[in-house]
Amino acid sequence: MDTVILYSTGCPRCRVLKKKLDAKGIVYTLEENEDPSFMIEKGFTETPILEVDGKAMGFMEANEWTNQF
């Protein structure tokens, strides 16, 4: 299985993606941080970010990825 990390600030879209991952039974690591500087240091300009095997995806792309399951 892929290495999956969800970077979240707890925003509404973050909660939607987290629920979808849980419903699909996708195992992931949750990196939740409300500090915007943490996300900026990672190079992220929006949340949530779903990282799958090193590939970072924004909300829309992450939703498409989870739909495969």
PDB file of N, CA and C in Angstrom:
ATOM      1  N   MET A   1       0.843  -1.187   0.000  1.00  0.00           N
ATOM      2  CA  MET A   1       0.000   0.000   0.000  1.00  0.00           C
ATOM      3  C   MET A   1       0.880   1.240   0.000  1.00  0.00           C
ATOM      4  N   ASP A   2       0.344   2.297  -0.528  1.00  0.00           N
ATOM      5  CA  ASP A   2       1.044   3.568  -0.624  1.00  0.00           C
ATOM      6  C   ASP A   2       1.239   4.198   0.759  1.00  0.00           C
ATOM      7  N   THR A   3       2.249   5.044   0.871  1.00  0.00           N
ATOM      8  CA  THR A   3       2.428   5.850   2.062  1.00  0.00           C
ATOM      9  C   THR A   3       1.567   7.095   1.889  1.00  0.00           C
ATOM     10  N   VAL A   4       0.601   7.292   2.778  1.00  0.00           N
ATOM     11  CA  VAL A   4      -0.367   8.380   2.651  1.00  0.00           C
ATOM     12  C   VAL A   4      -0.295   9.264   3.891  1.00  0.00           C
ATOM     13  N   ILE A   5      -0.135  10.573   3.669  1.00  0.00           N
ATOM     14  CA  ILE A   5      -0.105  11.547   4.760  1.00  0.00           C
ATOM     15  C   ILE A   5      -1.135  12.632   4.441  1.00  0.00           C
ATOM     16  N   LEU A   6      -1.982  12.935   5.411  1.00  0.00           N
ATOM     17  CA  LEU A   6      -2.937  14.022   5.283  1.00  0.00           C
ATOM     18  C   LEU A   6      -2.432  15.202   6.096  1.00  0.00           C
ATOM     19  N   TYR A   7      -2.130  16.310   5.425  1.00  0.00           N
ATOM     20  CA  TYR A   7      -1.737  17.543   6.090  1.00  0.00           C
ATOM     21  C   TYR A   7      -2.991  18.387   6.235  1.00  0.00           C
ATOM     22  N   SER A   8      -3.334  18.716   7.457  1.00  0.00           N
ATOM     23  CA  SER A   8      -4.604  19.348   7.747  1.00  0.00           C
ATOM     24  C   SER A   8      -4.450  20.471   8.750  1.00  0.00           C
ATOM     25  N   THR A   9      -5.320  21.470   8.625  1.00  0.00           N
ATOM     26  CA  THR A   9      -5.416  22.529   9.629  1.00  0.00           C
ATOM     27  C   THR A   9      -6.719  22.392  10.411  1.00  0.00           C
ATOM     28  N   GLY A  10      -7.508  21.377  10.085  1.00  0.00           N
ATOM     29  CA  GLY A  10      -8.793  21.188  10.744  1.00  0.00           C
ATOM     30  C   GLY A  10      -9.911  21.985  10.090  1.00  0.00           C
ATOM     31  N   CYS A  11      -9.649  22.567   8.929  1.00  0.00           N
ATOM     32  CA  CYS A  11     -10.648  23.367   8.215  1.00  0.00           C
ATOM     33  C   CYS A  11     -11.773  22.458   7.693  1.00  0.00           C
ATOM     34  N   PRO A  12     -12.877  23.044   7.235  1.00  0.00           N
ATOM     35  CA  PRO A  12     -13.981  22.220   6.734  1.00  0.00           C
ATOM     36  C   PRO A  12     -13.583  21.258   5.615  1.00  0.00           C
ATOM     37  N   ARG A  13     -12.776  21.717   4.654  1.00  0.00           N
ATOM     38  CA  ARG A  13     -12.345  20.807   3.574  1.00  0.00           C
ATOM     39  C   ARG A  13     -11.453  19.701   4.130  1.00  0.00           C
ATOM     40  N   CYS A  14     -10.633  20.024   5.113  1.00  0.00           N
ATOM     41  CA  CYS A  14      -9.786  19.006   5.746  1.00  0.00           C
ATOM     42  C   CYS A  14     -10.645  17.917   6.384  1.00  0.00           C
ATOM     43  N   ARG A  15     -11.701  18.334   7.069  1.00  0.00           N
ATOM     44  CA  ARG A  15     -12.592  17.366   7.719  1.00  0.00           C
ATOM     45  C   ARG A  15     -13.316  16.499   6.694  1.00  0.00           C
ATOM     46  N   VAL A  16     -13.716  17.090   5.565  1.00  0.00           N
ATOM     47  CA  VAL A  16     -14.381  16.328   4.501  1.00  0.00           C
ATOM     48  C   VAL A  16     -13.438  15.252   3.970  1.00  0.00           C
ATOM     49  N   LEU A  17     -12.204  15.630   3.671  1.00  0.00           N
ATOM     50  CA  LEU A  17     -11.255  14.661   3.122  1.00  0.00           C
ATOM     51  C   LEU A  17     -10.921  13.583   4.147  1.00  0.00           C
ATOM     52  N   LYS A  18     -10.773  13.956   5.398  1.00  0.00           N
ATOM     53  CA  LYS A  18     -10.495  12.975   6.453  1.00  0.00           C
ATOM     54  C   LYS A  18     -11.635  11.961   6.554  1.00  0.00           C
ATOM     55  N   LYS A  19     -12.870  12.426   6.531  1.00  0.00           N
ATOM     56  CA  LYS A  19     -14.031  11.522   6.583  1.00  0.00           C
ATOM     57  C   LYS A  19     -14.060  10.589   5.385  1.00  0.00           C
ATOM     58  N   LYS A  20     -13.709  11.115   4.226  1.00  0.00           N
ATOM     59  CA  LYS A  20     -13.704  10.292   3.019  1.00  0.00           C
ATOM     60  C   LYS A  20     -12.631   9.207   3.100  1.00  0.00           C
ATOM     61  N   LEU A  21     -11.438   9.565   3.572  1.00  0.00           N
ATOM     62  CA  LEU A  21     -10.371   8.573   3.735  1.00  0.00           C
ATOM     63  C   LEU A  21     -10.798   7.490   4.721  1.00  0.00           C
ATOM     64  N   ASP A  22     -11.392   7.907   5.827  1.00  0.00           N
ATOM     65  CA  ASP A  22     -11.857   6.955   6.834  1.00  0.00           C
ATOM     66  C   ASP A  22     -12.931   6.029   6.260  1.00  0.00           C
ATOM     67  N   ALA A  23     -13.877   6.594   5.526  1.00  0.00           N
ATOM     68  CA  ALA A  23     -14.972   5.804   4.958  1.00  0.00           C
ATOM     69  C   ALA A  23     -14.469   4.785   3.947  1.00  0.00           C
ATOM     70  N   LYS A  24     -13.405   5.136   3.230  1.00  0.00           N
ATOM     71  CA  LYS A  24     -12.836   4.225   2.226  1.00  0.00           C
ATOM     72  C   LYS A  24     -11.875   3.222   2.850  1.00  0.00           C
ATOM     73  N   GLY A  25     -11.570   3.382   4.125  1.00  0.00           N
ATOM     74  CA  GLY A  25     -10.650   2.468   4.796  1.00  0.00           C
ATOM     75  C   GLY A  25      -9.207   2.670   4.401  1.00  0.00           C
ATOM     76  N   ILE A  26      -8.878   3.868   3.942  1.00  0.00           N
ATOM     77  CA  ILE A  26      -7.511   4.174   3.523  1.00  0.00           C
ATOM     78  C   ILE A  26      -6.687   4.513   4.766  1.00  0.00           C
ATOM     79  N   VAL A  27      -5.593   3.801   4.962  1.00  0.00           N
ATOM     80  CA  VAL A  27      -4.710   4.020   6.105  1.00  0.00           C
ATOM     81  C   VAL A  27      -3.799   5.204   5.790  1.00  0.00           C
ATOM     82  N   TYR A  28      -3.748   6.154   6.707  1.00  0.00           N
ATOM     83  CA  TYR A  28      -2.956   7.353   6.490  1.00  0.00           C
ATOM     84  C   TYR A  28      -2.422   7.872   7.819  1.00  0.00           C
ATOM     85  N   THR A  29      -1.431   8.729   7.702  1.00  0.00           N
ATOM     86  CA  THR A  29      -0.885   9.440   8.847  1.00  0.00           C
ATOM     87  C   THR A  29      -1.472  10.842   8.814  1.00  0.00           C
ATOM     88  N   LEU A  30      -1.944  11.320   9.953  1.00  0.00           N
ATOM     89  CA  LEU A  30      -2.514  12.660  10.033  1.00  0.00           C
ATOM     90  C   LEU A  30      -1.477  13.609  10.614  1.00  0.00           C
ATOM     91  N   GLU A  31      -1.149  14.636   9.844  1.00  0.00           N
ATOM     92  CA  GLU A  31      -0.266  15.715  10.305  1.00  0.00           C
ATOM     93  C   GLU A  31      -1.149  16.945  10.428  1.00  0.00           C
ATOM     94  N   GLU A  32      -1.679  17.168  11.622  1.00  0.00           N
ATOM     95  CA  GLU A  32      -2.579  18.298  11.809  1.00  0.00           C
ATOM     96  C   GLU A  32      -1.838  19.412  12.524  1.00  0.00           C
ATOM     97  N   ASN A  33      -1.890  20.601  11.923  1.00  0.00           N
ATOM     98  CA  ASN A  33      -1.175  21.736  12.483  1.00  0.00           C
ATOM     99  C   ASN A  33      -1.919  23.001  12.095  1.00  0.00           C
ATOM    100  N   GLU A  34      -2.313  23.784  13.061  1.00  0.00           N
ATOM    101  CA  GLU A  34      -3.045  25.016  12.798  1.00  0.00           C
ATOM    102  C   GLU A  34      -2.121  26.202  12.527  1.00  0.00           C
ATOM    103  N   ASP A  35      -0.827  25.981  12.549  1.00  0.00           N
ATOM    104  CA  ASP A  35       0.152  27.045  12.312  1.00  0.00           C
ATOM    105  C   ASP A  35       0.419  27.157  10.808  1.00  0.00           C
ATOM    106  N   PRO A  36      -0.008  28.255  10.176  1.00  0.00           N
ATOM    107  CA  PRO A  36       0.192  28.396   8.734  1.00  0.00           C
ATOM    108  C   PRO A  36       1.666  28.350   8.321  1.00  0.00           C
ATOM    109  N   SER A  37       2.570  28.783   9.196  1.00  0.00           N
ATOM    110  CA  SER A  37       3.986  28.787   8.827  1.00  0.00           C
ATOM    111  C   SER A  37       4.499  27.362   8.612  1.00  0.00           C
ATOM    112  N   PHE A  38       3.936  26.382   9.329  1.00  0.00           N
ATOM    113  CA  PHE A  38       4.317  24.981   9.133  1.00  0.00           C
ATOM    114  C   PHE A  38       3.986  24.552   7.703  1.00  0.00           C
ATOM    115  N   MET A  39       2.776  24.888   7.256  1.00  0.00           N
ATOM    116  CA  MET A  39       2.357  24.510   5.905  1.00  0.00           C
ATOM    117  C   MET A  39       3.200  25.243   4.854  1.00  0.00           C
ATOM    118  N   ILE A  40       3.487  26.509   5.092  1.00  0.00           N
ATOM    119  CA  ILE A  40       4.292  27.286   4.148  1.00  0.00           C
ATOM    120  C   ILE A  40       5.693  26.706   4.036  1.00  0.00           C
ATOM    121  N   GLU A  41       6.271  26.301   5.168  1.00  0.00           N
ATOM    122  CA  GLU A  41       7.605  25.677   5.160  1.00  0.00           C
ATOM    123  C   GLU A  41       7.608  24.406   4.317  1.00  0.00           C
ATOM    124  N   LYS A  42       6.482  23.675   4.315  1.00  0.00           N
ATOM    125  CA  LYS A  42       6.373  22.454   3.513  1.00  0.00           C
ATOM    126  C   LYS A  42       6.136  22.783   2.036  1.00  0.00           C
ATOM    127  N   GLY A  43       5.879  24.069   1.726  1.00  0.00           N
ATOM    128  CA  GLY A  43       5.623  24.479   0.351  1.00  0.00           C
ATOM    129  C   GLY A  43       4.154  24.410  -0.037  1.00  0.00           C
ATOM    130  N   PHE A  44       3.278  24.257   0.945  1.00  0.00           N
ATOM    131  CA  PHE A  44       1.847  24.149   0.674  1.00  0.00           C
ATOM    132  C   PHE A  44       1.204  25.525   0.766  1.00  0.00           C
ATOM    133  N   THR A  45       0.321  25.822  -0.176  1.00  0.00           N
ATOM    134  CA  THR A  45      -0.374  27.103  -0.179  1.00  0.00           C
ATOM    135  C   THR A  45      -1.860  26.953   0.125  1.00  0.00           C
ATOM    136  N   GLU A  46      -2.303  25.727   0.328  1.00  0.00           N
ATOM    137  CA  GLU A  46      -3.697  25.461   0.664  1.00  0.00           C
ATOM    138  C   GLU A  46      -3.766  24.203   1.510  1.00  0.00           C
ATOM    139  N   THR A  47      -4.897  24.000   2.138  1.00  0.00           N
ATOM    140  CA  THR A  47      -5.133  22.756   2.862  1.00  0.00           C
ATOM    141  C   THR A  47      -6.522  22.271   2.511  1.00  0.00           C
ATOM    142  N   PRO A  48      -6.743  20.998   2.570  1.00  0.00           N
ATOM    143  CA  PRO A  48      -5.801  19.955   2.957  1.00  0.00           C
ATOM    144  C   PRO A  48      -4.857  19.608   1.807  1.00  0.00           C
ATOM    145  N   ILE A  49      -3.765  18.982   2.169  1.00  0.00           N
ATOM    146  CA  ILE A  49      -2.845  18.392   1.203  1.00  0.00           C
ATOM    147  C   ILE A  49      -2.760  16.911   1.524  1.00  0.00           C
ATOM    148  N   LEU A  50      -2.941  16.101   0.513  1.00  0.00           N
ATOM    149  CA  LEU A  50      -2.785  14.661   0.667  1.00  0.00           C
ATOM    150  C   LEU A  50      -1.518  14.269  -0.072  1.00  0.00           C
ATOM    151  N   GLU A  51      -0.593  13.663   0.652  1.00  0.00           N
ATOM    152  CA  GLU A  51       0.669  13.237   0.051  1.00  0.00           C
ATOM    153  C   GLU A  51       0.653  11.721  -0.066  1.00  0.00           C
ATOM    154  N   VAL A  52       0.804  11.242  -1.290  1.00  0.00           N
ATOM    155  CA  VAL A  52       0.803   9.810  -1.550  1.00  0.00           C
ATOM    156  C   VAL A  52       2.135   9.460  -2.213  1.00  0.00           C
ATOM    157  N   ASP A  53       2.929   8.667  -1.516  1.00  0.00           N
ATOM    158  CA  ASP A  53       4.261   8.290  -1.994  1.00  0.00           C
ATOM    159  C   ASP A  53       5.062   9.496  -2.482  1.00  0.00           C
ATOM    160  N   GLY A  54       5.005  10.598  -1.716  1.00  0.00           N
ATOM    161  CA  GLY A  54       5.799  11.782  -2.025  1.00  0.00           C
ATOM    162  C   GLY A  54       5.139  12.762  -2.973  1.00  0.00           C
ATOM    163  N   LYS A  55       3.997  12.404  -3.570  1.00  0.00           N
ATOM    164  CA  LYS A  55       3.297  13.309  -4.480  1.00  0.00           C
ATOM    165  C   LYS A  55       2.220  14.056  -3.697  1.00  0.00           C
ATOM    166  N   ALA A  56       2.323  15.393  -3.669  1.00  0.00           N
ATOM    167  CA  ALA A  56       1.365  16.219  -2.947  1.00  0.00           C
ATOM    168  C   ALA A  56       0.189  16.575  -3.852  1.00  0.00           C
ATOM    169  N   MET A  57      -1.027  16.436  -3.290  1.00  0.00           N
ATOM    170  CA  MET A  57      -2.238  16.738  -4.037  1.00  0.00           C
ATOM    171  C   MET A  57      -3.109  17.688  -3.231  1.00  0.00           C
ATOM    172  N   GLY A  58      -3.683  18.678  -3.903  1.00  0.00           N
ATOM    173  CA  GLY A  58      -4.642  19.564  -3.277  1.00  0.00           C
ATOM    174  C   GLY A  58      -5.984  18.857  -3.107  1.00  0.00           C
ATOM    175  N   PHE A  59      -6.947  19.583  -2.604  1.00  0.00           N
ATOM    176  CA  PHE A  59      -8.250  19.018  -2.256  1.00  0.00           C
ATOM    177  C   PHE A  59      -8.929  18.305  -3.428  1.00  0.00           C
ATOM    178  N   MET A  60      -9.022  18.953  -4.568  1.00  0.00           N
ATOM    179  CA  MET A  60      -9.733  18.364  -5.708  1.00  0.00           C
ATOM    180  C   MET A  60      -9.039  17.089  -6.204  1.00  0.00           C
ATOM    181  N   GLU A  61      -7.738  17.150  -6.385  1.00  0.00           N
ATOM    182  CA  GLU A  61      -6.991  15.979  -6.855  1.00  0.00           C
ATOM    183  C   GLU A  61      -7.037  14.850  -5.834  1.00  0.00           C
ATOM    184  N   ALA A  62      -6.983  15.200  -4.552  1.00  0.00           N
ATOM    185  CA  ALA A  62      -7.055  14.196  -3.490  1.00  0.00           C
ATOM    186  C   ALA A  62      -8.406  13.492  -3.500  1.00  0.00           C
ATOM    187  N   ASN A  63      -9.481  14.238  -3.736  1.00  0.00           N
ATOM    188  CA  ASN A  63     -10.807  13.638  -3.850  1.00  0.00           C
ATOM    189  C   ASN A  63     -10.868  12.650  -5.003  1.00  0.00           C
ATOM    190  N   GLU A  64     -10.305  13.044  -6.142  1.00  0.00           N
ATOM    191  CA  GLU A  64     -10.269  12.148  -7.307  1.00  0.00           C
ATOM    192  C   GLU A  64      -9.484  10.876  -6.977  1.00  0.00           C
ATOM    193  N   TRP A  65      -8.371  11.029  -6.274  1.00  0.00           N
ATOM    194  CA  TRP A  65      -7.551   9.868  -5.913  1.00  0.00           C
ATOM    195  C   TRP A  65      -8.337   8.919  -5.016  1.00  0.00           C
ATOM    196  N   THR A  66      -9.035   9.465  -4.009  1.00  0.00           N
ATOM    197  CA  THR A  66      -9.776   8.601  -3.094  1.00  0.00           C
ATOM    198  C   THR A  66     -10.945   7.917  -3.782  1.00  0.00           C
ATOM    199  N   ASN A  67     -11.478   8.508  -4.843  1.00  0.00           N
ATOM    200  CA  ASN A  67     -12.582   7.894  -5.576  1.00  0.00           C
ATOM    201  C   ASN A  67     -12.187   6.586  -6.257  1.00  0.00           C
ATOM    202  N   GLN A  68     -10.904   6.341  -6.412  1.00  0.00           N
ATOM    203  CA  GLN A  68     -10.414   5.107  -7.038  1.00  0.00           C
ATOM    204  C   GLN A  68     -10.677   3.892  -6.150  1.00  0.00           C
ATOM    205  N   PHE A  69     -10.959   4.093  -4.889  1.00  0.00           N
ATOM    206  CA  PHE A  69     -11.100   2.994  -3.949  1.00  0.00           C
ATOM    207  C   PHE A  69     -12.541   2.690  -3.663  1.00  0.00           C
TER     208      PHE A  69
END
